[in-house]
Amino acid sequence: MRLLDKAMKAVFCKPVLSIEGTGKKIKRLMKQKCVTLHRVAAMLGFPYVQTMYNWFSGRNLPTLDNLVALAYILGVKVDDFLATDFVTIEYEEKEEFE
């Protein structure tokens, strides 16, 4: 294959995980399911509920293991927690010919 010097600009809208949006979804689902912070903290083995307050405020995300466990506790899918934003990525595409 031979690359031509002619490059075309292209745009891709890349989905990225929204930390704040995910925290809000976790909080909302816990409230909908009437599951208390202390109960979830105990079930996940956390000594304090502060970890979950950090999720709710968007300071950090649960680990994947904790997301899976939380989904199981609440009877939902992990996807139900995840919120996404989009960022625009511009890149150059080169045409290829044989």
N, C-alpha and C. Protein backbone atom coordinates (compact mmCIF):
# COMPACT_ATOMS: atom_id res chain seq x y z
N MET A 1 0.83 -1.18 0.00
CA MET A 1 0.00 0.00 0.00
C MET A 1 0.87 1.24 0.00
N ARG A 2 0.40 2.25 -0.66
CA ARG A 2 1.14 3.49 -0.75
C ARG A 2 0.30 4.60 -0.12
N LEU A 3 0.89 5.36 0.78
CA LEU A 3 0.20 6.48 1.40
C LEU A 3 0.40 7.72 0.55
N LEU A 4 -0.67 8.42 0.28
CA LEU A 4 -0.58 9.68 -0.44
C LEU A 4 -0.32 10.81 0.54
N ASP A 5 0.27 11.87 0.05
CA ASP A 5 0.54 13.01 0.91
C ASP A 5 -0.73 13.77 1.28
N LYS A 6 -1.78 13.56 0.52
CA LYS A 6 -3.02 14.26 0.77
C LYS A 6 -3.69 13.68 2.03
N ALA A 7 -3.82 14.52 3.04
CA ALA A 7 -4.47 14.09 4.28
C ALA A 7 -5.82 14.77 4.39
N MET A 8 -6.78 14.04 4.89
CA MET A 8 -8.11 14.60 5.09
C MET A 8 -8.34 14.75 6.60
N LYS A 9 -8.91 15.89 6.97
CA LYS A 9 -9.23 16.09 8.38
C LYS A 9 -10.52 15.36 8.68
N ALA A 10 -10.53 14.70 9.82
CA ALA A 10 -11.71 13.97 10.27
C ALA A 10 -11.96 14.31 11.73
N VAL A 11 -13.18 14.09 12.16
CA VAL A 11 -13.57 14.38 13.53
C VAL A 11 -14.22 13.13 14.12
N PHE A 12 -13.86 12.85 15.36
CA PHE A 12 -14.44 11.73 16.08
C PHE A 12 -14.95 12.24 17.42
N CYS A 13 -16.20 11.96 17.75
CA CYS A 13 -16.76 12.30 19.06
C CYS A 13 -16.53 11.12 19.98
N LYS A 14 -15.54 11.25 20.83
CA LYS A 14 -15.11 10.16 21.71
C LYS A 14 -15.90 10.18 23.02
N PRO A 15 -16.54 9.07 23.36
CA PRO A 15 -17.23 9.03 24.66
C PRO A 15 -16.23 8.86 25.79
N VAL A 16 -16.42 9.63 26.86
CA VAL A 16 -15.58 9.54 28.05
C VAL A 16 -16.49 9.41 29.26
N LEU A 17 -16.01 8.72 30.25
CA LEU A 17 -16.78 8.50 31.47
C LEU A 17 -16.91 9.81 32.24
N SER A 18 -18.12 10.16 32.62
CA SER A 18 -18.37 11.34 33.44
C SER A 18 -18.36 10.93 34.91
N ILE A 19 -17.36 11.40 35.64
CA ILE A 19 -17.23 11.04 37.04
C ILE A 19 -18.41 11.61 37.85
N GLU A 20 -18.72 12.87 37.62
CA GLU A 20 -19.84 13.49 38.35
C GLU A 20 -21.17 12.85 38.00
N GLY A 21 -21.40 12.63 36.72
CA GLY A 21 -22.65 12.03 36.28
C GLY A 21 -22.83 10.62 36.81
N THR A 22 -21.75 9.86 36.85
CA THR A 22 -21.80 8.50 37.37
C THR A 22 -22.11 8.53 38.86
N GLY A 23 -21.49 9.42 39.60
CA GLY A 23 -21.77 9.54 41.03
C GLY A 23 -23.22 9.90 41.30
N LYS A 24 -23.78 10.80 40.49
CA LYS A 24 -25.19 11.17 40.65
C LYS A 24 -26.11 9.99 40.37
N LYS A 25 -25.76 9.19 39.36
CA LYS A 25 -26.58 8.02 39.04
C LYS A 25 -26.54 6.99 40.17
N ILE A 26 -25.36 6.79 40.74
CA ILE A 26 -25.24 5.84 41.86
C ILE A 26 -26.12 6.30 43.02
N LYS A 27 -26.03 7.58 43.34
CA LYS A 27 -26.81 8.14 44.45
C LYS A 27 -28.31 7.98 44.18
N ARG A 28 -28.73 8.31 42.96
CA ARG A 28 -30.15 8.23 42.60
C ARG A 28 -30.66 6.79 42.69
N LEU A 29 -29.88 5.83 42.17
CA LEU A 29 -30.31 4.44 42.20
C LEU A 29 -30.37 3.89 43.64
N MET A 30 -29.43 4.30 44.47
CA MET A 30 -29.47 3.86 45.87
C MET A 30 -30.73 4.41 46.55
N LYS A 31 -31.07 5.65 46.25
CA LYS A 31 -32.26 6.26 46.84
C LYS A 31 -33.53 5.57 46.33
N GLN A 32 -33.57 5.31 45.01
CA GLN A 32 -34.74 4.63 44.42
C GLN A 32 -34.96 3.24 45.03
N LYS A 33 -33.86 2.55 45.30
CA LYS A 33 -33.95 1.19 45.84
C LYS A 33 -34.04 1.18 47.37
N CYS A 34 -34.05 2.37 47.99
CA CYS A 34 -34.13 2.51 49.46
C CYS A 34 -33.03 1.74 50.18
N VAL A 35 -31.82 1.85 49.67
CA VAL A 35 -30.66 1.20 50.28
C VAL A 35 -29.82 2.29 50.94
N THR A 36 -29.53 2.11 52.21
CA THR A 36 -28.81 3.14 52.96
C THR A 36 -27.30 3.06 52.71
N LEU A 37 -26.65 4.19 52.94
CA LEU A 37 -25.20 4.26 52.82
C LEU A 37 -24.51 3.28 53.76
N HIS A 38 -24.99 3.22 54.98
CA HIS A 38 -24.36 2.35 55.98
C HIS A 38 -24.49 0.87 55.59
N ARG A 39 -25.62 0.52 55.02
CA ARG A 39 -25.80 -0.88 54.60
C ARG A 39 -24.84 -1.22 53.47
N VAL A 40 -24.75 -0.35 52.47
CA VAL A 40 -23.85 -0.61 51.34
C VAL A 40 -22.40 -0.62 51.82
N ALA A 41 -22.05 0.32 52.68
CA ALA A 41 -20.68 0.37 53.20
C ALA A 41 -20.34 -0.95 53.89
N ALA A 42 -21.26 -1.46 54.70
CA ALA A 42 -21.02 -2.72 55.39
C ALA A 42 -20.89 -3.88 54.41
N MET A 43 -21.75 -3.90 53.40
CA MET A 43 -21.73 -4.99 52.41
C MET A 43 -20.47 -4.96 51.55
N LEU A 44 -19.93 -3.77 51.30
CA LEU A 44 -18.72 -3.65 50.50
C LEU A 44 -17.45 -3.71 51.34
N GLY A 45 -17.62 -3.76 52.67
CA GLY A 45 -16.46 -3.87 53.55
C GLY A 45 -15.77 -2.55 53.83
N PHE A 46 -16.48 -1.43 53.68
CA PHE A 46 -15.91 -0.11 53.96
C PHE A 46 -16.11 0.23 55.42
N PRO A 47 -15.08 0.75 56.10
CA PRO A 47 -15.26 1.14 57.50
C PRO A 47 -16.06 2.43 57.65
N TYR A 48 -16.10 3.25 56.60
CA TYR A 48 -16.79 4.53 56.64
C TYR A 48 -17.61 4.73 55.37
N VAL A 49 -18.60 5.62 55.44
CA VAL A 49 -19.42 5.93 54.26
C VAL A 49 -18.78 7.04 53.42
N GLN A 50 -17.70 7.63 53.89
CA GLN A 50 -17.05 8.74 53.18
C GLN A 50 -16.68 8.35 51.74
N THR A 51 -16.29 7.10 51.54
CA THR A 51 -15.95 6.63 50.20
C THR A 51 -17.11 6.86 49.24
N MET A 52 -18.31 6.55 49.68
CA MET A 52 -19.48 6.72 48.81
C MET A 52 -19.84 8.19 48.62
N TYR A 53 -19.62 9.02 49.65
CA TYR A 53 -19.84 10.46 49.48
C TYR A 53 -18.88 11.00 48.41
N ASN A 54 -17.68 10.47 48.34
CA ASN A 54 -16.73 10.87 47.30
C ASN A 54 -17.23 10.46 45.91
N TRP A 55 -17.89 9.31 45.81
CA TRP A 55 -18.48 8.90 44.53
C TRP A 55 -19.58 9.89 44.14
N PHE A 56 -20.47 10.17 45.10
CA PHE A 56 -21.62 11.04 44.82
C PHE A 56 -21.19 12.43 44.35
N SER A 57 -20.12 12.94 44.93
CA SER A 57 -19.68 14.30 44.61
C SER A 57 -18.80 14.38 43.38
N GLY A 58 -18.43 13.22 42.82
CA GLY A 58 -17.58 13.22 41.64
C GLY A 58 -16.11 13.37 41.95
N ARG A 59 -15.71 13.16 43.19
CA ARG A 59 -14.28 13.23 43.53
C ARG A 59 -13.53 12.02 42.99
N ASN A 60 -14.19 10.88 43.01
CA ASN A 60 -13.59 9.68 42.42
C ASN A 60 -14.67 8.68 42.06
N LEU A 61 -14.25 7.62 41.41
CA LEU A 61 -15.17 6.57 40.96
C LEU A 61 -14.95 5.29 41.77
N PRO A 62 -15.98 4.47 41.88
CA PRO A 62 -15.76 3.16 42.48
C PRO A 62 -14.85 2.33 41.60
N THR A 63 -14.14 1.40 42.22
CA THR A 63 -13.37 0.45 41.41
C THR A 63 -14.35 -0.42 40.63
N LEU A 64 -13.86 -1.08 39.62
CA LEU A 64 -14.71 -1.94 38.82
C LEU A 64 -15.34 -3.04 39.69
N ASP A 65 -14.56 -3.62 40.60
CA ASP A 65 -15.09 -4.63 41.51
C ASP A 65 -16.24 -4.09 42.35
N ASN A 66 -16.08 -2.86 42.84
CA ASN A 66 -17.14 -2.27 43.65
C ASN A 66 -18.37 -1.91 42.81
N LEU A 67 -18.17 -1.51 41.57
CA LEU A 67 -19.31 -1.25 40.68
C LEU A 67 -20.10 -2.53 40.45
N VAL A 68 -19.40 -3.62 40.21
CA VAL A 68 -20.07 -4.91 39.98
C VAL A 68 -20.85 -5.33 41.23
N ALA A 69 -20.22 -5.20 42.39
CA ALA A 69 -20.89 -5.57 43.64
C ALA A 69 -22.08 -4.66 43.90
N LEU A 70 -21.94 -3.37 43.67
CA LEU A 70 -23.03 -2.42 43.89
C LEU A 70 -24.20 -2.72 42.96
N ALA A 71 -23.89 -3.05 41.71
CA ALA A 71 -24.95 -3.42 40.77
C ALA A 71 -25.70 -4.65 41.27
N TYR A 72 -24.98 -5.61 41.79
CA TYR A 72 -25.58 -6.83 42.32
C TYR A 72 -26.47 -6.50 43.53
N ILE A 73 -25.97 -5.67 44.42
CA ILE A 73 -26.73 -5.28 45.62
C ILE A 73 -28.04 -4.59 45.23
N LEU A 74 -27.97 -3.71 44.24
CA LEU A 74 -29.14 -2.93 43.85
C LEU A 74 -30.01 -3.61 42.80
N GLY A 75 -29.54 -4.73 42.26
CA GLY A 75 -30.33 -5.44 41.25
C GLY A 75 -30.41 -4.72 39.92
N VAL A 76 -29.30 -4.05 39.54
CA VAL A 76 -29.24 -3.34 38.26
C VAL A 76 -28.00 -3.79 37.50
N LYS A 77 -27.85 -3.29 36.28
CA LYS A 77 -26.65 -3.57 35.49
C LYS A 77 -25.61 -2.46 35.74
N VAL A 78 -24.36 -2.79 35.59
CA VAL A 78 -23.29 -1.79 35.76
C VAL A 78 -23.54 -0.61 34.82
N ASP A 79 -24.01 -0.89 33.61
CA ASP A 79 -24.29 0.19 32.65
C ASP A 79 -25.28 1.22 33.19
N ASP A 80 -26.15 0.80 34.10
CA ASP A 80 -27.13 1.72 34.66
C ASP A 80 -26.48 2.83 35.48
N PHE A 81 -25.26 2.61 35.95
CA PHE A 81 -24.55 3.61 36.74
C PHE A 81 -23.76 4.59 35.87
N LEU A 82 -23.29 4.12 34.74
CA LEU A 82 -22.31 4.89 33.97
C LEU A 82 -22.93 6.03 33.19
N ALA A 83 -22.33 7.19 33.32
CA ALA A 83 -22.73 8.38 32.57
C ALA A 83 -21.56 8.79 31.69
N THR A 84 -21.86 9.21 30.47
CA THR A 84 -20.80 9.59 29.56
C THR A 84 -20.96 11.03 29.07
N ASP A 85 -19.84 11.62 28.76
CA ASP A 85 -19.76 12.90 28.05
C ASP A 85 -19.04 12.59 26.75
N PHE A 86 -18.96 13.56 25.87
CA PHE A 86 -18.25 13.37 24.62
C PHE A 86 -17.23 14.48 24.43
N VAL A 87 -16.05 14.11 23.96
CA VAL A 87 -15.04 15.09 23.58
C VAL A 87 -14.77 14.93 22.09
N THR A 88 -14.49 16.04 21.44
CA THR A 88 -14.24 16.02 20.01
C THR A 88 -12.75 15.86 19.75
N ILE A 89 -12.41 14.87 18.96
CA ILE A 89 -11.02 14.60 18.59
C ILE A 89 -10.89 14.86 17.09
N GLU A 90 -9.97 15.75 16.72
CA GLU A 90 -9.68 15.98 15.31
C GLU A 90 -8.42 15.21 14.95
N TYR A 91 -8.45 14.54 13.83
CA TYR A 91 -7.28 13.78 13.39
C TYR A 91 -7.21 13.82 11.88
N GLU A 92 -6.04 13.47 11.38
CA GLU A 92 -5.84 13.44 9.93
C GLU A 92 -5.89 12.01 9.44
N GLU A 93 -6.66 11.80 8.40
CA GLU A 93 -6.75 10.49 7.77
C GLU A 93 -6.03 10.56 6.44
N LYS A 94 -5.14 9.61 6.21
CA LYS A 94 -4.47 9.56 4.94
C LYS A 94 -5.10 8.48 4.08
N GLU A 95 -5.28 8.79 2.83
CA GLU A 95 -5.86 7.80 1.92
C GLU A 95 -4.82 6.75 1.56
N GLU A 96 -5.26 5.53 1.49
CA GLU A 96 -4.38 4.44 1.13
C GLU A 96 -4.85 3.83 -0.18
N PHE A 97 -3.89 3.62 -1.08
CA PHE A 97 -4.18 2.98 -2.36
C PHE A 97 -3.18 1.85 -2.60
N GLU A 98 -3.62 0.85 -3.25
CA GLU A 98 -2.70 -0.25 -3.59
C GLU A 98 -2.03 0.02 -4.90
